[in-house]
Amino acid sequence: MPKAPAKSKKKPAPAPKRSNPDIYRFIDFFVRTGEKMTGKKPVITRGKDGKLVSMALAKLPESKLETLAVWFFSRKKNLQPTVGAMLSTSVLTELTQEMHKSTFWKEVSELTDRYYPRTVRLNTWQPFSHQDITSMKETMAASMRRLSY
């Protein structure tokens, strides 16, 4: 009696994950801005920074993250130029405190105009609210706890 062909025990290959082009666009912006503003190339950790940016983009549009990056590079020169440092709870808390100052948005607008003139890039900066920052802090704190286990 002929033997039946053996069934393959291999599982089908999982479908490839679709990557979000906004993540790559923001990371490119982050690196270019870091080089332009600090003179040093920011450190990008493959995987971790992509996840952080993905979670941040779920809470804020790309233009607001770009505004945050410009503020971070101009005000936090003593911190490492990384996405994780920019999205850390302490930096976002300080940002919330800075937003209470009357000159905050004028300074952010001037910084953005200095490095990205409006004739070149019209939608570079967008104001963000306290709710945006609070939501971002909660999300980033939860993700940091998961990533650091």
N, C-alpha and C. Protein backbone atom coordinates (compact mmCIF):
# COMPACT_ATOMS: atom_id res chain seq x y z
N MET A 1 0.84 -1.16 0.00
CA MET A 1 0.00 0.00 0.00
C MET A 1 0.90 1.24 0.00
N PRO A 2 0.65 2.21 -0.92
CA PRO A 2 1.49 3.39 -0.98
C PRO A 2 1.23 4.32 0.21
N LYS A 3 2.30 4.96 0.64
CA LYS A 3 2.18 5.88 1.78
C LYS A 3 1.63 7.22 1.30
N ALA A 4 0.83 7.81 2.15
CA ALA A 4 0.28 9.14 1.85
C ALA A 4 1.40 10.16 2.07
N PRO A 5 1.42 11.21 1.25
CA PRO A 5 2.48 12.22 1.45
C PRO A 5 2.38 12.85 2.84
N ALA A 6 3.51 13.03 3.47
CA ALA A 6 3.56 13.61 4.81
C ALA A 6 3.17 15.08 4.75
N LYS A 7 2.39 15.48 5.74
CA LYS A 7 1.99 16.88 5.81
C LYS A 7 3.16 17.71 6.35
N SER A 8 3.28 18.86 5.81
CA SER A 8 4.35 19.76 6.24
C SER A 8 4.00 20.33 7.61
N LYS A 9 4.97 20.32 8.52
CA LYS A 9 4.74 20.85 9.85
C LYS A 9 5.12 22.32 9.95
N LYS A 10 5.55 22.87 8.85
CA LYS A 10 5.94 24.28 8.87
C LYS A 10 4.70 25.17 8.93
N LYS A 11 4.82 26.19 9.72
CA LYS A 11 3.74 27.17 9.80
C LYS A 11 3.91 28.16 8.65
N PRO A 12 2.82 28.68 8.14
CA PRO A 12 2.96 29.68 7.08
C PRO A 12 3.66 30.92 7.62
N ALA A 13 4.40 31.56 6.77
CA ALA A 13 5.13 32.76 7.18
C ALA A 13 4.15 33.86 7.55
N PRO A 14 4.43 34.57 8.65
CA PRO A 14 3.52 35.65 9.03
C PRO A 14 3.57 36.77 8.00
N ALA A 15 2.45 37.45 7.87
CA ALA A 15 2.39 38.56 6.93
C ALA A 15 3.34 39.66 7.40
N PRO A 16 4.07 40.27 6.48
CA PRO A 16 5.00 41.33 6.90
C PRO A 16 4.23 42.51 7.48
N LYS A 17 4.81 43.09 8.53
CA LYS A 17 4.18 44.25 9.15
C LYS A 17 4.34 45.45 8.24
N ARG A 18 3.28 46.23 8.16
CA ARG A 18 3.36 47.45 7.37
C ARG A 18 3.97 48.53 8.25
N SER A 19 4.98 49.18 7.76
CA SER A 19 5.62 50.22 8.54
C SER A 19 4.96 51.56 8.23
N ASN A 20 4.98 52.41 9.19
CA ASN A 20 4.37 53.72 9.07
C ASN A 20 5.41 54.70 8.54
N PRO A 21 5.20 55.29 7.37
CA PRO A 21 6.20 56.22 6.83
C PRO A 21 6.36 57.48 7.68
N ASP A 22 5.35 57.82 8.49
CA ASP A 22 5.46 58.98 9.37
C ASP A 22 6.57 58.79 10.40
N ILE A 23 6.77 57.55 10.83
CA ILE A 23 7.83 57.26 11.80
C ILE A 23 9.19 57.57 11.19
N TYR A 24 9.42 57.08 9.99
CA TYR A 24 10.71 57.33 9.32
C TYR A 24 10.90 58.82 9.03
N ARG A 25 9.82 59.47 8.62
CA ARG A 25 9.91 60.90 8.31
C ARG A 25 10.28 61.69 9.56
N PHE A 26 9.64 61.36 10.71
CA PHE A 26 9.96 62.08 11.93
C PHE A 26 11.38 61.79 12.39
N ILE A 27 11.81 60.54 12.33
CA ILE A 27 13.17 60.21 12.76
C ILE A 27 14.19 60.92 11.87
N ASP A 28 13.94 61.00 10.57
CA ASP A 28 14.83 61.77 9.68
C ASP A 28 14.85 63.24 10.08
N PHE A 29 13.67 63.80 10.38
CA PHE A 29 13.59 65.19 10.82
C PHE A 29 14.37 65.36 12.12
N PHE A 30 14.22 64.43 13.05
CA PHE A 30 14.90 64.49 14.34
C PHE A 30 16.41 64.51 14.16
N VAL A 31 16.92 63.63 13.29
CA VAL A 31 18.36 63.56 13.06
C VAL A 31 18.86 64.84 12.39
N ARG A 32 18.17 65.29 11.34
CA ARG A 32 18.59 66.53 10.65
C ARG A 32 18.57 67.73 11.58
N THR A 33 17.51 67.85 12.37
CA THR A 33 17.38 68.97 13.29
C THR A 33 18.44 68.90 14.37
N GLY A 34 18.70 67.71 14.89
CA GLY A 34 19.74 67.55 15.91
C GLY A 34 21.10 67.95 15.39
N GLU A 35 21.42 67.54 14.17
CA GLU A 35 22.71 67.91 13.58
C GLU A 35 22.79 69.42 13.35
N LYS A 36 21.69 69.99 12.89
CA LYS A 36 21.67 71.42 12.59
C LYS A 36 21.76 72.27 13.86
N MET A 37 21.05 71.87 14.91
CA MET A 37 20.97 72.70 16.11
C MET A 37 22.08 72.44 17.11
N THR A 38 22.55 71.20 17.24
CA THR A 38 23.55 70.90 18.25
C THR A 38 24.93 70.62 17.67
N GLY A 39 24.99 70.32 16.38
CA GLY A 39 26.27 69.98 15.77
C GLY A 39 26.66 68.53 15.96
N LYS A 40 25.84 67.76 16.70
CA LYS A 40 26.10 66.34 16.93
C LYS A 40 24.97 65.54 16.30
N LYS A 41 25.30 64.36 15.82
CA LYS A 41 24.27 63.49 15.27
C LYS A 41 23.56 62.77 16.42
N PRO A 42 22.23 62.87 16.50
CA PRO A 42 21.50 62.19 17.57
C PRO A 42 21.64 60.67 17.46
N VAL A 43 21.55 60.01 18.59
CA VAL A 43 21.65 58.57 18.66
C VAL A 43 20.25 57.99 18.43
N ILE A 44 20.12 57.11 17.45
CA ILE A 44 18.85 56.45 17.16
C ILE A 44 19.00 54.97 17.46
N THR A 45 18.14 54.45 18.32
CA THR A 45 18.15 53.04 18.68
C THR A 45 17.08 52.34 17.85
N ARG A 46 17.51 51.48 16.97
CA ARG A 46 16.58 50.79 16.07
C ARG A 46 15.58 49.98 16.89
N GLY A 47 14.34 50.10 16.54
CA GLY A 47 13.28 49.37 17.22
C GLY A 47 12.68 50.17 18.35
N LYS A 48 13.48 50.49 19.36
CA LYS A 48 12.97 51.21 20.53
C LYS A 48 12.47 52.60 20.14
N ASP A 49 13.28 53.36 19.41
CA ASP A 49 12.86 54.71 19.04
C ASP A 49 11.68 54.68 18.08
N GLY A 50 11.65 53.69 17.21
CA GLY A 50 10.51 53.56 16.30
C GLY A 50 9.22 53.32 17.06
N LYS A 51 9.27 52.49 18.10
CA LYS A 51 8.09 52.23 18.91
C LYS A 51 7.67 53.48 19.67
N LEU A 52 8.66 54.19 20.22
CA LEU A 52 8.34 55.43 20.95
C LEU A 52 7.69 56.46 20.03
N VAL A 53 8.25 56.62 18.85
CA VAL A 53 7.69 57.59 17.89
C VAL A 53 6.30 57.14 17.45
N SER A 54 6.12 55.84 17.26
CA SER A 54 4.81 55.33 16.87
C SER A 54 3.76 55.66 17.92
N MET A 55 4.10 55.44 19.20
CA MET A 55 3.16 55.76 20.28
C MET A 55 2.92 57.27 20.38
N ALA A 56 3.98 58.05 20.17
CA ALA A 56 3.83 59.50 20.23
C ALA A 56 2.96 60.00 19.09
N LEU A 57 3.13 59.41 17.90
CA LEU A 57 2.31 59.82 16.75
C LEU A 57 0.85 59.42 16.92
N ALA A 58 0.59 58.43 17.77
CA ALA A 58 -0.80 58.06 18.06
C ALA A 58 -1.48 59.14 18.90
N LYS A 59 -0.68 59.91 19.64
CA LYS A 59 -1.22 60.95 20.52
C LYS A 59 -1.14 62.35 19.90
N LEU A 60 -0.09 62.61 19.12
CA LEU A 60 0.12 63.94 18.55
C LEU A 60 0.39 63.83 17.05
N PRO A 61 0.01 64.84 16.29
CA PRO A 61 0.39 64.83 14.87
C PRO A 61 1.89 65.08 14.70
N GLU A 62 2.39 64.74 13.54
CA GLU A 62 3.82 64.85 13.27
C GLU A 62 4.32 66.28 13.45
N SER A 63 3.52 67.26 13.05
CA SER A 63 3.96 68.66 13.16
C SER A 63 4.18 69.07 14.62
N LYS A 64 3.36 68.57 15.54
CA LYS A 64 3.54 68.90 16.95
C LYS A 64 4.79 68.21 17.51
N LEU A 65 5.06 67.00 17.06
CA LEU A 65 6.29 66.34 17.48
C LEU A 65 7.52 67.06 16.97
N GLU A 66 7.43 67.60 15.76
CA GLU A 66 8.55 68.37 15.22
C GLU A 66 8.78 69.62 16.05
N THR A 67 7.69 70.27 16.48
CA THR A 67 7.81 71.44 17.35
C THR A 67 8.47 71.05 18.66
N LEU A 68 8.07 69.92 19.21
CA LEU A 68 8.68 69.43 20.45
C LEU A 68 10.16 69.15 20.26
N ALA A 69 10.54 68.60 19.12
CA ALA A 69 11.95 68.31 18.84
C ALA A 69 12.78 69.59 18.79
N VAL A 70 12.26 70.61 18.13
CA VAL A 70 12.97 71.90 18.04
C VAL A 70 13.15 72.48 19.44
N TRP A 71 12.10 72.46 20.26
CA TRP A 71 12.19 72.97 21.63
C TRP A 71 13.21 72.14 22.42
N PHE A 72 13.16 70.82 22.28
CA PHE A 72 14.07 69.93 23.02
C PHE A 72 15.52 70.23 22.68
N PHE A 73 15.84 70.34 21.40
CA PHE A 73 17.24 70.58 21.01
C PHE A 73 17.72 71.96 21.44
N SER A 74 16.83 72.93 21.51
CA SER A 74 17.27 74.27 21.90
C SER A 74 17.40 74.42 23.41
N ARG A 75 16.56 73.77 24.18
CA ARG A 75 16.54 73.95 25.63
C ARG A 75 17.26 72.87 26.42
N LYS A 76 17.41 71.70 25.88
CA LYS A 76 17.97 70.57 26.63
C LYS A 76 19.32 70.14 26.06
N LYS A 77 20.24 71.06 26.02
CA LYS A 77 21.56 70.77 25.45
C LYS A 77 22.38 69.84 26.35
N ASN A 78 22.05 69.76 27.64
CA ASN A 78 22.81 68.90 28.55
C ASN A 78 22.35 67.44 28.51
N LEU A 79 21.22 67.16 27.89
CA LEU A 79 20.73 65.78 27.77
C LEU A 79 21.24 65.16 26.48
N GLN A 80 21.27 63.82 26.47
CA GLN A 80 21.66 63.13 25.24
C GLN A 80 20.61 63.40 24.17
N PRO A 81 21.04 63.61 22.94
CA PRO A 81 20.06 63.86 21.88
C PRO A 81 19.43 62.56 21.38
N THR A 82 18.48 62.04 22.16
CA THR A 82 17.80 60.80 21.78
C THR A 82 16.28 61.02 21.83
N VAL A 83 15.56 60.18 21.11
CA VAL A 83 14.10 60.25 21.11
C VAL A 83 13.57 59.92 22.50
N GLY A 84 14.17 58.93 23.15
CA GLY A 84 13.75 58.56 24.50
C GLY A 84 13.90 59.70 25.49
N ALA A 85 14.98 60.45 25.39
CA ALA A 85 15.18 61.59 26.29
C ALA A 85 14.15 62.68 26.00
N MET A 86 13.86 62.91 24.71
CA MET A 86 12.89 63.93 24.34
C MET A 86 11.50 63.59 24.87
N LEU A 87 11.14 62.32 24.86
CA LEU A 87 9.81 61.90 25.27
C LEU A 87 9.75 61.44 26.72
N SER A 88 10.81 61.69 27.49
CA SER A 88 10.83 61.26 28.89
C SER A 88 9.84 62.10 29.71
N THR A 89 9.41 61.53 30.80
CA THR A 89 8.43 62.19 31.66
C THR A 89 8.97 63.50 32.22
N SER A 90 10.24 63.53 32.59
CA SER A 90 10.79 64.75 33.18
C SER A 90 10.85 65.88 32.16
N VAL A 91 11.19 65.58 30.92
CA VAL A 91 11.25 66.62 29.88
C VAL A 91 9.83 67.11 29.57
N LEU A 92 8.88 66.19 29.49
CA LEU A 92 7.51 66.61 29.20
C LEU A 92 6.90 67.40 30.36
N THR A 93 7.30 67.08 31.60
CA THR A 93 6.84 67.85 32.75
C THR A 93 7.40 69.26 32.68
N GLU A 94 8.68 69.38 32.36
CA GLU A 94 9.28 70.71 32.24
C GLU A 94 8.63 71.50 31.10
N LEU A 95 8.31 70.82 30.01
CA LEU A 95 7.63 71.48 28.90
C LEU A 95 6.29 72.05 29.36
N THR A 96 5.56 71.28 30.16
CA THR A 96 4.27 71.75 30.68
C THR A 96 4.46 73.01 31.52
N GLN A 97 5.51 73.02 32.34
CA GLN A 97 5.80 74.20 33.17
C GLN A 97 6.18 75.40 32.31
N GLU A 98 6.98 75.16 31.27
CA GLU A 98 7.41 76.24 30.38
C GLU A 98 6.23 76.85 29.63
N MET A 99 5.23 76.03 29.33
CA MET A 99 4.08 76.52 28.57
C MET A 99 3.31 77.59 29.33
N HIS A 100 3.48 77.66 30.66
CA HIS A 100 2.79 78.66 31.47
C HIS A 100 3.42 80.05 31.32
N LYS A 101 4.63 80.11 30.81
CA LYS A 101 5.30 81.40 30.64
C LYS A 101 4.67 82.15 29.47
N SER A 102 4.61 83.45 29.61
CA SER A 102 3.94 84.26 28.59
C SER A 102 4.71 84.32 27.27
N THR A 103 6.01 84.11 27.31
CA THR A 103 6.82 84.22 26.09
C THR A 103 7.11 82.88 25.42
N PHE A 104 6.54 81.81 25.95
CA PHE A 104 6.88 80.47 25.47
C PHE A 104 6.62 80.30 23.97
N TRP A 105 5.42 80.59 23.51
CA TRP A 105 5.09 80.34 22.10
C TRP A 105 5.85 81.27 21.17
N LYS A 106 6.14 82.48 21.65
CA LYS A 106 6.94 83.40 20.84
C LYS A 106 8.35 82.82 20.65
N GLU A 107 8.94 82.29 21.72
CA GLU A 107 10.27 81.69 21.63
C GLU A 107 10.28 80.47 20.70
N VAL A 108 9.26 79.63 20.82
CA VAL A 108 9.17 78.44 19.97
C VAL A 108 9.03 78.86 18.51
N SER A 109 8.22 79.87 18.26
CA SER A 109 8.03 80.36 16.90
C SER A 109 9.34 80.93 16.34
N GLU A 110 10.07 81.68 17.16
CA GLU A 110 11.35 82.23 16.72
C GLU A 110 12.37 81.13 16.43
N LEU A 111 12.42 80.12 17.29
CA LEU A 111 13.34 79.00 17.06
C LEU A 111 13.01 78.27 15.76
N THR A 112 11.74 78.03 15.55
CA THR A 112 11.32 77.34 14.34
C THR A 112 11.65 78.17 13.11
N ASP A 113 11.40 79.47 13.17
CA ASP A 113 11.71 80.35 12.04
C ASP A 113 13.21 80.41 11.78
N ARG A 114 14.01 80.35 12.83
CA ARG A 114 15.45 80.43 12.67
C ARG A 114 16.00 79.20 11.94
N TYR A 115 15.51 78.02 12.33
CA TYR A 115 16.04 76.79 11.74
C TYR A 115 15.24 76.29 10.54
N TYR A 116 13.96 76.63 10.49
CA TYR A 116 13.10 76.22 9.37
C TYR A 116 12.22 77.41 8.97
N PRO A 117 12.74 78.32 8.15
CA PRO A 117 11.96 79.49 7.78
C PRO A 117 10.61 79.09 7.17
N ARG A 118 9.61 79.89 7.45
CA ARG A 118 8.25 79.57 7.02
C ARG A 118 8.08 79.54 5.51
N THR A 119 8.96 80.22 4.78
CA THR A 119 8.85 80.16 3.32
C THR A 119 9.18 78.76 2.81
N VAL A 120 10.03 78.05 3.55
CA VAL A 120 10.43 76.71 3.15
C VAL A 120 9.43 75.68 3.67
N ARG A 121 9.00 75.84 4.88
CA ARG A 121 8.16 74.84 5.53
C ARG A 121 7.07 75.53 6.34
N LEU A 122 5.88 75.58 5.81
CA LEU A 122 4.81 76.35 6.43
C LEU A 122 4.27 75.73 7.71
N ASN A 123 4.13 74.42 7.76
CA ASN A 123 3.48 73.76 8.90
C ASN A 123 4.47 73.12 9.86
N THR A 124 5.62 73.74 10.06
CA THR A 124 6.62 73.12 10.92
C THR A 124 6.17 73.07 12.37
N TRP A 125 5.59 74.11 12.89
CA TRP A 125 5.23 74.07 14.30
C TRP A 125 3.74 74.24 14.48
N GLN A 126 3.25 73.51 15.44
CA GLN A 126 1.85 73.56 15.83
C GLN A 126 1.81 73.66 17.35
N PRO A 127 0.98 74.53 17.89
CA PRO A 127 0.88 74.58 19.35
C PRO A 127 0.28 73.29 19.89
N PHE A 128 0.72 72.87 21.07
CA PHE A 128 0.15 71.70 21.70
C PHE A 128 -0.44 72.11 23.02
N SER A 129 -1.41 71.36 23.49
CA SER A 129 -2.12 71.71 24.71
C SER A 129 -1.57 70.92 25.89
N HIS A 130 -2.03 71.31 27.08
CA HIS A 130 -1.64 70.57 28.29
C HIS A 130 -2.17 69.14 28.22
N GLN A 131 -3.34 68.97 27.63
CA GLN A 131 -3.92 67.64 27.48
C GLN A 131 -3.05 66.77 26.58
N ASP A 132 -2.50 67.36 25.49
CA ASP A 132 -1.60 66.63 24.61
C ASP A 132 -0.39 66.12 25.38
N ILE A 133 0.22 66.98 26.17
CA ILE A 133 1.43 66.63 26.91
C ILE A 133 1.12 65.61 28.00
N THR A 134 0.02 65.78 28.72
CA THR A 134 -0.35 64.83 29.77
C THR A 134 -0.61 63.45 29.18
N SER A 135 -1.31 63.41 28.10
CA SER A 135 -1.59 62.13 27.43
C SER A 135 -0.29 61.48 26.97
N MET A 136 0.62 62.30 26.43
CA MET A 136 1.91 61.80 25.97
C MET A 136 2.72 61.25 27.14
N LYS A 137 2.74 61.96 28.28
CA LYS A 137 3.49 61.50 29.45
C LYS A 137 2.98 60.15 29.93
N GLU A 138 1.67 60.01 30.00
CA GLU A 138 1.10 58.75 30.46
C GLU A 138 1.46 57.60 29.53
N THR A 139 1.36 57.84 28.23
CA THR A 139 1.68 56.80 27.26
C THR A 139 3.16 56.43 27.31
N MET A 140 4.03 57.43 27.36
CA MET A 140 5.47 57.17 27.37
C MET A 140 5.90 56.49 28.67
N ALA A 141 5.32 56.87 29.80
CA ALA A 141 5.68 56.24 31.07
C ALA A 141 5.29 54.76 31.04
N ALA A 142 4.12 54.46 30.51
CA ALA A 142 3.68 53.07 30.42
C ALA A 142 4.58 52.29 29.47
N SER A 143 4.95 52.89 28.36
CA SER A 143 5.80 52.17 27.40
C SER A 143 7.21 51.98 27.94
N MET A 144 7.74 52.94 28.66
CA MET A 144 9.07 52.81 29.26
C MET A 144 9.09 51.67 30.27
N ARG A 145 8.01 51.56 31.04
CA ARG A 145 7.93 50.46 32.01
C ARG A 145 7.92 49.12 31.30
N ARG A 146 7.22 49.02 30.17
CA ARG A 146 7.17 47.78 29.42
C ARG A 146 8.49 47.46 28.76
N LEU A 147 9.19 48.48 28.23
CA LEU A 147 10.45 48.26 27.53
C LEU A 147 11.60 47.95 28.48
N SER A 148 11.52 48.41 29.71
CA SER A 148 12.66 48.24 30.61
C SER A 148 12.61 46.95 31.41
N TYR A 149 11.48 46.29 31.46
CA TYR A 149 11.33 45.11 32.30
C TYR A 149 12.62 44.55 32.65
